[in-house]
Amino acid sequence: MNNIENLTAALAEHQEVMSKLAAMLPQIAAVADEMRACIARGGKILLMGNGGSAADSQHIAAEIVGRYKKERKGLPAIALTTDTSILTSVGNDYGYEYIFSRQVEALCSPQDLVIGLTTSGNSPNVVRAIETAKQIGAVTVGMTGGSGGKLAALCDHNLIMPSSDTPRIQEAHIFIGHSLCDLLEAD
């Protein structure tokens, strides 16, 4: 395959996944409603993921705290992927699988909403953090792909991308992240 053929194939895969998201619109709207309710009751939104999902967590948190499209006051969101001192100390002292659950234990309260991004739905550190959030009583959301993995059985809301291909899942995740921010700002 040449470059144009590779790009054409990737674009076709992307468009196929994106076209399937139409079936998820009620689920996406329900998560946006939960986010609005969380903020209305004085809660905050916590997000986490590894690698590209870590970057997506930070991106979505930035849109919530800063703004997406509309001038408004900052809204409370934290990406649990950004504090290298916490990540490295907890990883060193307890193990990498605890880097998010320890932060959820410290920062999360029952009025909060916790979003775990993992393309497989099986990242041990995200699964453990969602379990901790559920024990606290927070609303939990899994943004995954494929079958939804372990998170599918744990989360209050699941946004499972209709693909098993990591790049296509991540592209859909950021579209949904932007959609959630757009709905969060809606009047």
N, C-alpha and C. Protein backbone atom coordinates (compact mmCIF):
# COMPACT_ATOMS: atom_id res chain seq x y z
N MET A 1 0.83 -1.19 0.00
CA MET A 1 0.00 0.00 0.00
C MET A 1 0.87 1.25 0.00
N ASN A 2 0.47 2.25 -0.76
CA ASN A 2 1.21 3.51 -0.72
C ASN A 2 0.58 4.44 0.33
N ASN A 3 1.15 5.62 0.47
CA ASN A 3 0.68 6.55 1.51
C ASN A 3 -0.79 6.92 1.33
N ILE A 4 -1.19 7.21 0.11
CA ILE A 4 -2.57 7.60 -0.14
C ILE A 4 -3.53 6.45 0.20
N GLU A 5 -3.15 5.24 -0.16
CA GLU A 5 -3.99 4.08 0.16
C GLU A 5 -4.10 3.87 1.67
N ASN A 6 -2.98 4.04 2.38
CA ASN A 6 -3.00 3.91 3.84
C ASN A 6 -3.92 4.96 4.46
N LEU A 7 -3.78 6.20 4.00
CA LEU A 7 -4.61 7.27 4.53
C LEU A 7 -6.09 7.05 4.21
N THR A 8 -6.36 6.59 3.00
CA THR A 8 -7.74 6.33 2.59
C THR A 8 -8.36 5.23 3.46
N ALA A 9 -7.59 4.19 3.74
CA ALA A 9 -8.08 3.10 4.58
C ALA A 9 -8.33 3.59 6.01
N ALA A 10 -7.40 4.39 6.56
CA ALA A 10 -7.57 4.92 7.92
C ALA A 10 -8.78 5.83 8.00
N LEU A 11 -8.98 6.66 6.99
CA LEU A 11 -10.13 7.56 6.98
C LEU A 11 -11.44 6.76 6.91
N ALA A 12 -11.45 5.72 6.10
CA ALA A 12 -12.66 4.88 6.00
C ALA A 12 -12.97 4.21 7.33
N GLU A 13 -11.93 3.72 8.03
CA GLU A 13 -12.13 3.10 9.35
C GLU A 13 -12.67 4.13 10.35
N HIS A 14 -12.09 5.32 10.32
CA HIS A 14 -12.53 6.40 11.21
C HIS A 14 -14.00 6.73 10.96
N GLN A 15 -14.36 6.91 9.69
CA GLN A 15 -15.74 7.26 9.34
C GLN A 15 -16.71 6.16 9.74
N GLU A 16 -16.30 4.91 9.62
CA GLU A 16 -17.17 3.80 10.01
C GLU A 16 -17.47 3.84 11.51
N VAL A 17 -16.42 4.04 12.31
CA VAL A 17 -16.61 4.11 13.76
C VAL A 17 -17.47 5.31 14.12
N MET A 18 -17.17 6.46 13.55
CA MET A 18 -17.93 7.66 13.88
C MET A 18 -19.40 7.52 13.49
N SER A 19 -19.68 6.85 12.38
CA SER A 19 -21.08 6.68 11.96
C SER A 19 -21.85 5.81 12.96
N LYS A 20 -21.16 4.90 13.62
CA LYS A 20 -21.81 4.02 14.60
C LYS A 20 -22.10 4.73 15.93
N LEU A 21 -21.49 5.89 16.14
CA LEU A 21 -21.72 6.62 17.40
C LEU A 21 -23.14 7.15 17.50
N ALA A 22 -23.83 7.27 16.38
CA ALA A 22 -25.21 7.76 16.41
C ALA A 22 -26.08 6.92 17.34
N ALA A 23 -25.82 5.63 17.39
CA ALA A 23 -26.59 4.75 18.27
C ALA A 23 -26.31 5.03 19.75
N MET A 24 -25.21 5.72 20.05
CA MET A 24 -24.82 5.99 21.43
C MET A 24 -25.29 7.36 21.93
N LEU A 25 -25.95 8.13 21.10
CA LEU A 25 -26.32 9.50 21.49
C LEU A 25 -27.12 9.55 22.79
N PRO A 26 -28.08 8.65 23.03
CA PRO A 26 -28.79 8.71 24.32
C PRO A 26 -27.86 8.47 25.52
N GLN A 27 -26.89 7.58 25.36
CA GLN A 27 -25.94 7.32 26.45
C GLN A 27 -25.04 8.53 26.69
N ILE A 28 -24.59 9.16 25.61
CA ILE A 28 -23.74 10.35 25.73
C ILE A 28 -24.52 11.46 26.43
N ALA A 29 -25.77 11.66 26.02
CA ALA A 29 -26.61 12.69 26.64
C ALA A 29 -26.83 12.40 28.13
N ALA A 30 -27.00 11.13 28.47
CA ALA A 30 -27.19 10.75 29.88
C ALA A 30 -25.95 11.08 30.71
N VAL A 31 -24.77 10.84 30.16
CA VAL A 31 -23.52 11.17 30.88
C VAL A 31 -23.41 12.69 31.03
N ALA A 32 -23.76 13.44 29.99
CA ALA A 32 -23.73 14.90 30.09
C ALA A 32 -24.68 15.38 31.19
N ASP A 33 -25.85 14.77 31.27
CA ASP A 33 -26.80 15.12 32.34
C ASP A 33 -26.21 14.82 33.71
N GLU A 34 -25.52 13.70 33.84
CA GLU A 34 -24.85 13.36 35.12
C GLU A 34 -23.77 14.37 35.46
N MET A 35 -23.02 14.83 34.44
CA MET A 35 -21.98 15.83 34.66
C MET A 35 -22.59 17.14 35.16
N ARG A 36 -23.66 17.56 34.52
CA ARG A 36 -24.34 18.80 34.94
C ARG A 36 -24.88 18.66 36.36
N ALA A 37 -25.46 17.51 36.67
CA ALA A 37 -26.00 17.28 38.02
C ALA A 37 -24.88 17.27 39.04
N CYS A 38 -23.76 16.68 38.69
CA CYS A 38 -22.59 16.64 39.58
C CYS A 38 -22.16 18.06 39.95
N ILE A 39 -22.01 18.90 38.95
CA ILE A 39 -21.57 20.27 39.20
C ILE A 39 -22.63 21.04 39.98
N ALA A 40 -23.90 20.82 39.66
CA ALA A 40 -24.99 21.51 40.36
C ALA A 40 -25.02 21.16 41.85
N ARG A 41 -24.62 19.95 42.20
CA ARG A 41 -24.65 19.55 43.61
C ARG A 41 -23.31 19.86 44.31
N GLY A 42 -22.44 20.59 43.64
CA GLY A 42 -21.18 21.00 44.25
C GLY A 42 -20.05 20.00 44.08
N GLY A 43 -20.22 19.04 43.17
CA GLY A 43 -19.18 18.05 42.94
C GLY A 43 -18.19 18.47 41.87
N LYS A 44 -17.27 17.59 41.62
CA LYS A 44 -16.25 17.81 40.60
C LYS A 44 -16.13 16.56 39.74
N ILE A 45 -15.49 16.72 38.59
CA ILE A 45 -15.30 15.63 37.65
C ILE A 45 -13.84 15.23 37.68
N LEU A 46 -13.57 13.95 37.94
CA LEU A 46 -12.22 13.41 37.96
C LEU A 46 -12.06 12.51 36.74
N LEU A 47 -10.94 12.66 36.03
CA LEU A 47 -10.69 11.87 34.83
C LEU A 47 -9.33 11.21 34.90
N MET A 48 -9.20 10.04 34.27
CA MET A 48 -7.92 9.34 34.29
C MET A 48 -7.81 8.39 33.11
N GLY A 49 -6.57 8.07 32.75
CA GLY A 49 -6.28 7.11 31.71
C GLY A 49 -4.77 7.01 31.54
N ASN A 50 -4.33 6.11 30.72
CA ASN A 50 -2.90 5.88 30.47
C ASN A 50 -2.56 6.24 29.03
N GLY A 51 -1.36 6.74 28.82
CA GLY A 51 -0.89 7.04 27.47
C GLY A 51 -1.77 8.05 26.77
N GLY A 52 -2.30 7.68 25.59
CA GLY A 52 -3.19 8.57 24.86
C GLY A 52 -4.44 8.90 25.66
N SER A 53 -4.91 7.97 26.46
CA SER A 53 -6.08 8.21 27.30
C SER A 53 -5.75 9.19 28.43
N ALA A 54 -4.49 9.22 28.86
CA ALA A 54 -4.07 10.23 29.84
C ALA A 54 -4.15 11.61 29.20
N ALA A 55 -3.66 11.71 27.97
CA ALA A 55 -3.72 12.98 27.25
C ALA A 55 -5.17 13.40 27.02
N ASP A 56 -6.03 12.46 26.68
CA ASP A 56 -7.44 12.77 26.48
C ASP A 56 -8.09 13.24 27.80
N SER A 57 -7.72 12.61 28.90
CA SER A 57 -8.23 13.03 30.21
C SER A 57 -7.86 14.49 30.49
N GLN A 58 -6.61 14.82 30.24
CA GLN A 58 -6.13 16.18 30.45
C GLN A 58 -6.85 17.15 29.52
N HIS A 59 -7.02 16.77 28.27
CA HIS A 59 -7.68 17.61 27.28
C HIS A 59 -9.12 17.91 27.72
N ILE A 60 -9.86 16.89 28.12
CA ILE A 60 -11.26 17.08 28.53
C ILE A 60 -11.33 17.93 29.80
N ALA A 61 -10.45 17.66 30.77
CA ALA A 61 -10.44 18.46 32.00
C ALA A 61 -10.15 19.92 31.68
N ALA A 62 -9.24 20.17 30.75
CA ALA A 62 -8.91 21.55 30.38
C ALA A 62 -10.11 22.26 29.76
N GLU A 63 -10.87 21.56 28.94
CA GLU A 63 -12.06 22.15 28.32
C GLU A 63 -13.12 22.47 29.38
N ILE A 64 -13.21 21.64 30.41
CA ILE A 64 -14.21 21.86 31.47
C ILE A 64 -13.79 23.03 32.36
N VAL A 65 -12.53 23.04 32.78
CA VAL A 65 -12.05 24.10 33.68
C VAL A 65 -11.95 25.43 32.94
N GLY A 66 -11.35 25.42 31.75
CA GLY A 66 -11.18 26.65 30.98
C GLY A 66 -12.49 27.05 30.33
N ARG A 67 -12.70 26.53 29.17
CA ARG A 67 -13.97 26.67 28.46
C ARG A 67 -13.88 25.80 27.23
N TYR A 68 -15.02 25.41 26.73
CA TYR A 68 -15.07 24.68 25.48
C TYR A 68 -15.30 25.69 24.36
N LYS A 69 -16.51 26.20 24.25
CA LYS A 69 -16.82 27.21 23.23
C LYS A 69 -17.36 28.50 23.83
N LYS A 70 -17.95 28.39 24.99
CA LYS A 70 -18.72 29.47 25.57
C LYS A 70 -17.96 30.12 26.73
N GLU A 71 -18.00 31.45 26.78
CA GLU A 71 -17.44 32.16 27.93
C GLU A 71 -18.33 31.88 29.13
N ARG A 72 -17.74 31.38 30.20
CA ARG A 72 -18.46 31.01 31.41
C ARG A 72 -17.45 30.90 32.54
N LYS A 73 -17.95 30.73 33.74
CA LYS A 73 -17.02 30.53 34.86
C LYS A 73 -16.39 29.14 34.72
N GLY A 74 -15.22 28.97 35.29
CA GLY A 74 -14.56 27.67 35.28
C GLY A 74 -15.37 26.65 36.06
N LEU A 75 -15.38 25.43 35.56
CA LEU A 75 -16.09 24.34 36.22
C LEU A 75 -15.07 23.35 36.78
N PRO A 76 -15.40 22.66 37.87
CA PRO A 76 -14.43 21.82 38.57
C PRO A 76 -14.17 20.47 37.89
N ALA A 77 -12.95 20.30 37.42
CA ALA A 77 -12.51 19.03 36.83
C ALA A 77 -11.02 18.86 37.10
N ILE A 78 -10.61 17.63 37.31
CA ILE A 78 -9.20 17.33 37.59
C ILE A 78 -8.81 16.09 36.79
N ALA A 79 -7.71 16.21 36.04
CA ALA A 79 -7.12 15.03 35.40
C ALA A 79 -6.13 14.44 36.40
N LEU A 80 -6.34 13.20 36.78
CA LEU A 80 -5.48 12.54 37.78
C LEU A 80 -4.16 12.07 37.17
N THR A 81 -3.87 12.51 35.98
CA THR A 81 -2.69 12.06 35.24
C THR A 81 -1.55 13.06 35.27
N THR A 82 -1.71 14.18 35.96
CA THR A 82 -0.80 15.30 35.76
C THR A 82 0.23 15.54 36.86
N ASP A 83 0.04 15.03 38.04
CA ASP A 83 0.96 15.31 39.15
C ASP A 83 2.03 14.23 39.22
N THR A 84 3.18 14.54 38.64
CA THR A 84 4.24 13.52 38.55
C THR A 84 4.76 13.09 39.93
N SER A 85 4.71 13.97 40.90
CA SER A 85 5.17 13.58 42.24
C SER A 85 4.24 12.54 42.84
N ILE A 86 2.92 12.74 42.69
CA ILE A 86 1.97 11.74 43.19
C ILE A 86 2.11 10.45 42.39
N LEU A 87 2.13 10.55 41.07
CA LEU A 87 2.20 9.35 40.23
C LEU A 87 3.45 8.52 40.54
N THR A 88 4.59 9.18 40.70
CA THR A 88 5.82 8.42 40.94
C THR A 88 5.94 7.93 42.37
N SER A 89 5.46 8.71 43.33
CA SER A 89 5.57 8.25 44.73
C SER A 89 4.61 7.10 44.98
N VAL A 90 3.38 7.21 44.51
CA VAL A 90 2.42 6.13 44.71
C VAL A 90 2.85 4.90 43.91
N GLY A 91 3.31 5.13 42.68
CA GLY A 91 3.79 4.01 41.86
C GLY A 91 4.94 3.29 42.53
N ASN A 92 5.85 4.05 43.11
CA ASN A 92 7.02 3.46 43.78
C ASN A 92 6.65 2.79 45.09
N ASP A 93 5.84 3.46 45.90
CA ASP A 93 5.53 2.95 47.24
C ASP A 93 4.47 1.86 47.27
N TYR A 94 3.49 1.93 46.35
CA TYR A 94 2.37 0.99 46.37
C TYR A 94 2.28 0.11 45.13
N GLY A 95 2.70 0.64 44.00
CA GLY A 95 2.59 -0.06 42.73
C GLY A 95 1.80 0.77 41.74
N TYR A 96 2.12 0.61 40.46
CA TYR A 96 1.50 1.40 39.40
C TYR A 96 -0.01 1.24 39.37
N GLU A 97 -0.52 0.09 39.76
CA GLU A 97 -1.97 -0.13 39.72
C GLU A 97 -2.73 0.74 40.73
N TYR A 98 -2.01 1.43 41.62
CA TYR A 98 -2.65 2.28 42.64
C TYR A 98 -2.55 3.78 42.35
N ILE A 99 -1.93 4.17 41.23
CA ILE A 99 -1.67 5.60 41.01
C ILE A 99 -2.95 6.44 40.92
N PHE A 100 -4.04 5.86 40.45
CA PHE A 100 -5.29 6.61 40.36
C PHE A 100 -6.19 6.34 41.56
N SER A 101 -6.24 5.12 42.05
CA SER A 101 -7.14 4.82 43.17
C SER A 101 -6.75 5.59 44.42
N ARG A 102 -5.47 5.77 44.62
CA ARG A 102 -5.01 6.53 45.79
C ARG A 102 -5.48 7.99 45.68
N GLN A 103 -5.43 8.54 44.49
CA GLN A 103 -5.90 9.92 44.29
C GLN A 103 -7.42 10.00 44.45
N VAL A 104 -8.15 9.01 43.94
CA VAL A 104 -9.60 8.98 44.11
C VAL A 104 -9.92 8.89 45.60
N GLU A 105 -9.20 8.05 46.32
CA GLU A 105 -9.40 7.92 47.77
C GLU A 105 -9.22 9.27 48.46
N ALA A 106 -8.23 10.04 48.03
CA ALA A 106 -7.91 11.32 48.66
C ALA A 106 -8.81 12.48 48.22
N LEU A 107 -9.24 12.47 46.96
CA LEU A 107 -9.89 13.63 46.38
C LEU A 107 -11.38 13.49 46.11
N CYS A 108 -11.87 12.27 46.04
CA CYS A 108 -13.23 12.02 45.58
C CYS A 108 -14.22 12.01 46.76
N SER A 109 -15.40 12.53 46.49
CA SER A 109 -16.49 12.48 47.46
C SER A 109 -17.75 11.97 46.76
N PRO A 110 -18.78 11.63 47.51
CA PRO A 110 -19.98 11.04 46.90
C PRO A 110 -20.67 11.93 45.86
N GLN A 111 -20.49 13.24 45.92
CA GLN A 111 -21.15 14.10 44.94
C GLN A 111 -20.38 14.22 43.63
N ASP A 112 -19.23 13.54 43.51
CA ASP A 112 -18.38 13.66 42.34
C ASP A 112 -18.74 12.66 41.25
N LEU A 113 -18.14 12.86 40.09
CA LEU A 113 -18.28 11.97 38.94
C LEU A 113 -16.87 11.60 38.48
N VAL A 114 -16.62 10.32 38.29
CA VAL A 114 -15.29 9.83 37.93
C VAL A 114 -15.36 9.15 36.57
N ILE A 115 -14.51 9.60 35.65
CA ILE A 115 -14.46 9.05 34.30
C ILE A 115 -13.14 8.33 34.10
N GLY A 116 -13.22 7.04 33.76
CA GLY A 116 -12.03 6.26 33.43
C GLY A 116 -11.97 6.01 31.94
N LEU A 117 -10.88 6.42 31.31
CA LEU A 117 -10.67 6.18 29.89
C LEU A 117 -9.66 5.06 29.72
N THR A 118 -10.03 4.02 29.02
CA THR A 118 -9.13 2.92 28.73
C THR A 118 -9.67 2.22 27.50
N THR A 119 -8.86 2.11 26.47
CA THR A 119 -9.36 1.55 25.21
C THR A 119 -9.82 0.10 25.38
N SER A 120 -9.16 -0.64 26.26
CA SER A 120 -9.52 -2.05 26.48
C SER A 120 -10.60 -2.21 27.54
N GLY A 121 -10.69 -1.23 28.45
CA GLY A 121 -11.57 -1.37 29.60
C GLY A 121 -10.96 -2.21 30.70
N ASN A 122 -9.70 -2.58 30.54
CA ASN A 122 -9.05 -3.49 31.49
C ASN A 122 -7.80 -2.94 32.17
N SER A 123 -7.48 -1.68 32.00
CA SER A 123 -6.28 -1.12 32.63
C SER A 123 -6.40 -1.26 34.13
N PRO A 124 -5.51 -2.01 34.79
CA PRO A 124 -5.66 -2.28 36.22
C PRO A 124 -5.75 -1.03 37.09
N ASN A 125 -4.99 0.00 36.76
CA ASN A 125 -5.03 1.21 37.59
C ASN A 125 -6.34 1.97 37.43
N VAL A 126 -6.93 1.94 36.24
CA VAL A 126 -8.23 2.59 36.03
C VAL A 126 -9.34 1.76 36.67
N VAL A 127 -9.29 0.45 36.51
CA VAL A 127 -10.29 -0.43 37.12
C VAL A 127 -10.29 -0.25 38.64
N ARG A 128 -9.12 -0.26 39.24
CA ARG A 128 -9.01 -0.11 40.70
C ARG A 128 -9.57 1.25 41.14
N ALA A 129 -9.30 2.30 40.39
CA ALA A 129 -9.79 3.64 40.74
C ALA A 129 -11.31 3.71 40.65
N ILE A 130 -11.88 3.08 39.63
CA ILE A 130 -13.34 3.06 39.49
C ILE A 130 -13.96 2.28 40.66
N GLU A 131 -13.33 1.18 41.04
CA GLU A 131 -13.81 0.42 42.20
C GLU A 131 -13.80 1.29 43.45
N THR A 132 -12.74 2.07 43.63
CA THR A 132 -12.63 2.97 44.79
C THR A 132 -13.70 4.05 44.73
N ALA A 133 -13.93 4.61 43.56
CA ALA A 133 -14.95 5.65 43.40
C ALA A 133 -16.33 5.10 43.72
N LYS A 134 -16.60 3.86 43.31
CA LYS A 134 -17.90 3.23 43.62
C LYS A 134 -18.05 3.04 45.13
N GLN A 135 -16.99 2.64 45.81
CA GLN A 135 -17.05 2.47 47.26
C GLN A 135 -17.35 3.79 47.95
N ILE A 136 -16.84 4.88 47.40
CA ILE A 136 -17.09 6.21 47.96
C ILE A 136 -18.51 6.66 47.68
N GLY A 137 -19.10 6.18 46.59
CA GLY A 137 -20.45 6.55 46.23
C GLY A 137 -20.55 7.56 45.09
N ALA A 138 -19.44 7.80 44.40
CA ALA A 138 -19.44 8.71 43.25
C ALA A 138 -20.08 8.03 42.04
N VAL A 139 -20.55 8.83 41.11
CA VAL A 139 -21.05 8.32 39.83
C VAL A 139 -19.83 7.95 38.99
N THR A 140 -19.87 6.80 38.33
CA THR A 140 -18.73 6.33 37.54
C THR A 140 -19.10 6.18 36.07
N VAL A 141 -18.14 6.55 35.21
CA VAL A 141 -18.32 6.47 33.77
C VAL A 141 -17.09 5.79 33.18
N GLY A 142 -17.32 4.80 32.35
CA GLY A 142 -16.24 4.15 31.61
C GLY A 142 -16.30 4.56 30.15
N MET A 143 -15.18 5.06 29.64
CA MET A 143 -15.04 5.32 28.20
C MET A 143 -14.03 4.31 27.69
N THR A 144 -14.53 3.33 26.94
CA THR A 144 -13.72 2.19 26.53
C THR A 144 -13.94 1.89 25.06
N GLY A 145 -13.53 0.71 24.67
CA GLY A 145 -13.78 0.21 23.32
C GLY A 145 -13.99 -1.29 23.39
N GLY A 146 -14.10 -1.90 22.23
CA GLY A 146 -14.27 -3.36 22.16
C GLY A 146 -15.48 -3.82 22.93
N SER A 147 -15.26 -4.72 23.89
CA SER A 147 -16.36 -5.25 24.71
C SER A 147 -16.63 -4.40 25.95
N GLY A 148 -15.77 -3.43 26.20
CA GLY A 148 -15.89 -2.62 27.41
C GLY A 148 -15.03 -3.15 28.54
N GLY A 149 -14.52 -4.37 28.39
CA GLY A 149 -13.64 -4.95 29.40
C GLY A 149 -14.26 -5.01 30.78
N LYS A 150 -13.42 -5.00 31.80
CA LYS A 150 -13.87 -5.08 33.19
C LYS A 150 -14.70 -3.87 33.60
N LEU A 151 -14.41 -2.71 33.00
CA LEU A 151 -15.16 -1.51 33.38
C LEU A 151 -16.63 -1.62 33.04
N ALA A 152 -16.97 -2.37 32.00
CA ALA A 152 -18.37 -2.48 31.58
C ALA A 152 -19.26 -2.97 32.71
N ALA A 153 -18.74 -3.85 33.55
CA ALA A 153 -19.54 -4.39 34.66
C ALA A 153 -19.48 -3.49 35.90
N LEU A 154 -18.54 -2.57 35.94
CA LEU A 154 -18.34 -1.75 37.14
C LEU A 154 -19.02 -0.39 37.10
N CYS A 155 -19.08 0.22 35.93
CA CYS A 155 -19.48 1.62 35.83
C CYS A 155 -20.99 1.82 35.80
N ASP A 156 -21.40 2.97 36.32
CA ASP A 156 -22.81 3.36 36.26
C ASP A 156 -23.21 3.65 34.81
N HIS A 157 -22.29 4.22 34.06
CA HIS A 157 -22.52 4.55 32.65
C HIS A 157 -21.32 4.07 31.85
N ASN A 158 -21.59 3.47 30.70
CA ASN A 158 -20.53 2.99 29.83
C ASN A 158 -20.68 3.59 28.44
N LEU A 159 -19.62 4.18 27.97
CA LEU A 159 -19.54 4.67 26.60
C LEU A 159 -18.50 3.80 25.91
N ILE A 160 -18.97 2.74 25.29
CA ILE A 160 -18.10 1.74 24.68
C ILE A 160 -18.03 2.01 23.19
N MET A 161 -16.87 2.38 22.72
CA MET A 161 -16.69 2.71 21.31
C MET A 161 -16.85 1.45 20.46
N PRO A 162 -17.49 1.57 19.32
CA PRO A 162 -17.74 0.41 18.46
C PRO A 162 -16.53 0.04 17.61
N SER A 163 -15.43 -0.28 18.28
CA SER A 163 -14.20 -0.66 17.60
C SER A 163 -13.28 -1.35 18.60
N SER A 164 -12.36 -2.16 18.07
CA SER A 164 -11.31 -2.75 18.90
C SER A 164 -9.95 -2.21 18.50
N ASP A 165 -9.91 -1.21 17.64
CA ASP A 165 -8.67 -0.61 17.15
C ASP A 165 -8.36 0.64 17.98
N THR A 166 -7.25 0.61 18.72
CA THR A 166 -6.93 1.68 19.65
C THR A 166 -7.00 3.08 19.04
N PRO A 167 -6.38 3.34 17.88
CA PRO A 167 -6.48 4.70 17.33
C PRO A 167 -7.92 5.14 17.05
N ARG A 168 -8.73 4.23 16.52
CA ARG A 168 -10.12 4.58 16.21
C ARG A 168 -10.90 4.82 17.51
N ILE A 169 -10.62 4.04 18.55
CA ILE A 169 -11.28 4.23 19.85
C ILE A 169 -10.92 5.61 20.41
N GLN A 170 -9.64 5.95 20.36
CA GLN A 170 -9.20 7.24 20.90
C GLN A 170 -9.79 8.41 20.12
N GLU A 171 -9.92 8.27 18.81
CA GLU A 171 -10.56 9.32 18.01
C GLU A 171 -12.01 9.50 18.43
N ALA A 172 -12.70 8.42 18.68
CA ALA A 172 -14.09 8.50 19.13
C ALA A 172 -14.16 9.06 20.55
N HIS A 173 -13.20 8.70 21.40
CA HIS A 173 -13.18 9.24 22.76
C HIS A 173 -13.11 10.76 22.76
N ILE A 174 -12.24 11.32 21.93
CA ILE A 174 -12.10 12.77 21.97
C ILE A 174 -13.33 13.44 21.37
N PHE A 175 -13.97 12.82 20.38
CA PHE A 175 -15.23 13.36 19.87
C PHE A 175 -16.27 13.37 20.99
N ILE A 176 -16.37 12.28 21.73
CA ILE A 176 -17.34 12.21 22.82
C ILE A 176 -16.96 13.20 23.92
N GLY A 177 -15.68 13.32 24.23
CA GLY A 177 -15.25 14.30 25.22
C GLY A 177 -15.68 15.71 24.83
N HIS A 178 -15.47 16.06 23.57
CA HIS A 178 -15.91 17.37 23.09
C HIS A 178 -17.44 17.49 23.16
N SER A 179 -18.13 16.43 22.81
CA SER A 179 -19.60 16.45 22.86
C SER A 179 -20.10 16.65 24.28
N LEU A 180 -19.47 15.98 25.24
CA LEU A 180 -19.85 16.16 26.65
C LEU A 180 -19.62 17.59 27.10
N CYS A 181 -18.51 18.17 26.69
CA CYS A 181 -18.23 19.57 27.05
C CYS A 181 -19.24 20.50 26.42
N ASP A 182 -19.60 20.23 25.18
CA ASP A 182 -20.60 21.06 24.49
C ASP A 182 -21.94 20.99 25.22
N LEU A 183 -22.36 19.80 25.60
CA LEU A 183 -23.63 19.63 26.32
C LEU A 183 -23.56 20.22 27.73
N LEU A 184 -22.39 20.16 28.34
CA LEU A 184 -22.20 20.74 29.67
C LEU A 184 -22.41 22.24 29.64
N GLU A 185 -22.03 22.88 28.53
CA GLU A 185 -22.16 24.33 28.40
C GLU A 185 -23.54 24.75 27.87
N ALA A 186 -24.35 23.81 27.41
CA ALA A 186 -25.64 24.17 26.80
C ALA A 186 -26.56 24.81 27.83
N ASP A 187 -27.36 25.75 27.36
CA ASP A 187 -28.31 26.43 28.25
C ASP A 187 -29.49 25.56 28.58
